[in-house]
Amino acid sequence: MHEISLCEDIRTTLEEEAVKQNFNQVTKIWLDIGPLSCVEPEALRFGFDAVMRGSVAEGAALEIHAPKGDAYCLACHSKVQVTSRFDTCPNCGAAELQITGGDALKIRKLEVV
C-alpha cells in the first residue's frame, strides 16, 4: 500500500512548513486526489491518523476533494473529461488523449494554529 508512504511524505511536508511558516499545529488539511493519480483515497484516509501521530498534524481533520480528470484529444482537438487513463475520447472515440488534469495528489489548504 503506497498510500502509507504518501502519508509519510505529507507529514514531512507539514513538518517542514511548520518551521518555515511558524505554526505549531495543523487542525485540518484539505487534499486534492485526482482520479488519475493512482492514489486510493480510502487507503490514504485509513493510514492518515496513524502516520500523523506525534507530528504537527496529530488529530487533524482530513478532507479529500476529487477533481475531475481532464484530457485533450489529439485527434479531434477537444478538451474532455475522463475517469481513467485508458478512456477513449467521448467525442470521436480516439485513444490519443493527453492528460491535462486530475492526475495529482496536492495539499490544497491547511488550517493551522
Foldseek 3Di string as FASTA:
>chain_A
DCLLVVLLVVLVVVQVVCVVVVFQAWAEWEKEAFLQQPDDVVVNVVNNQVNCPPGRHHNHHYHYDYDWWWWAAPPPGDIDTDNYLQAADPVPRHRRIGTDDRRDMDTDDTDTD
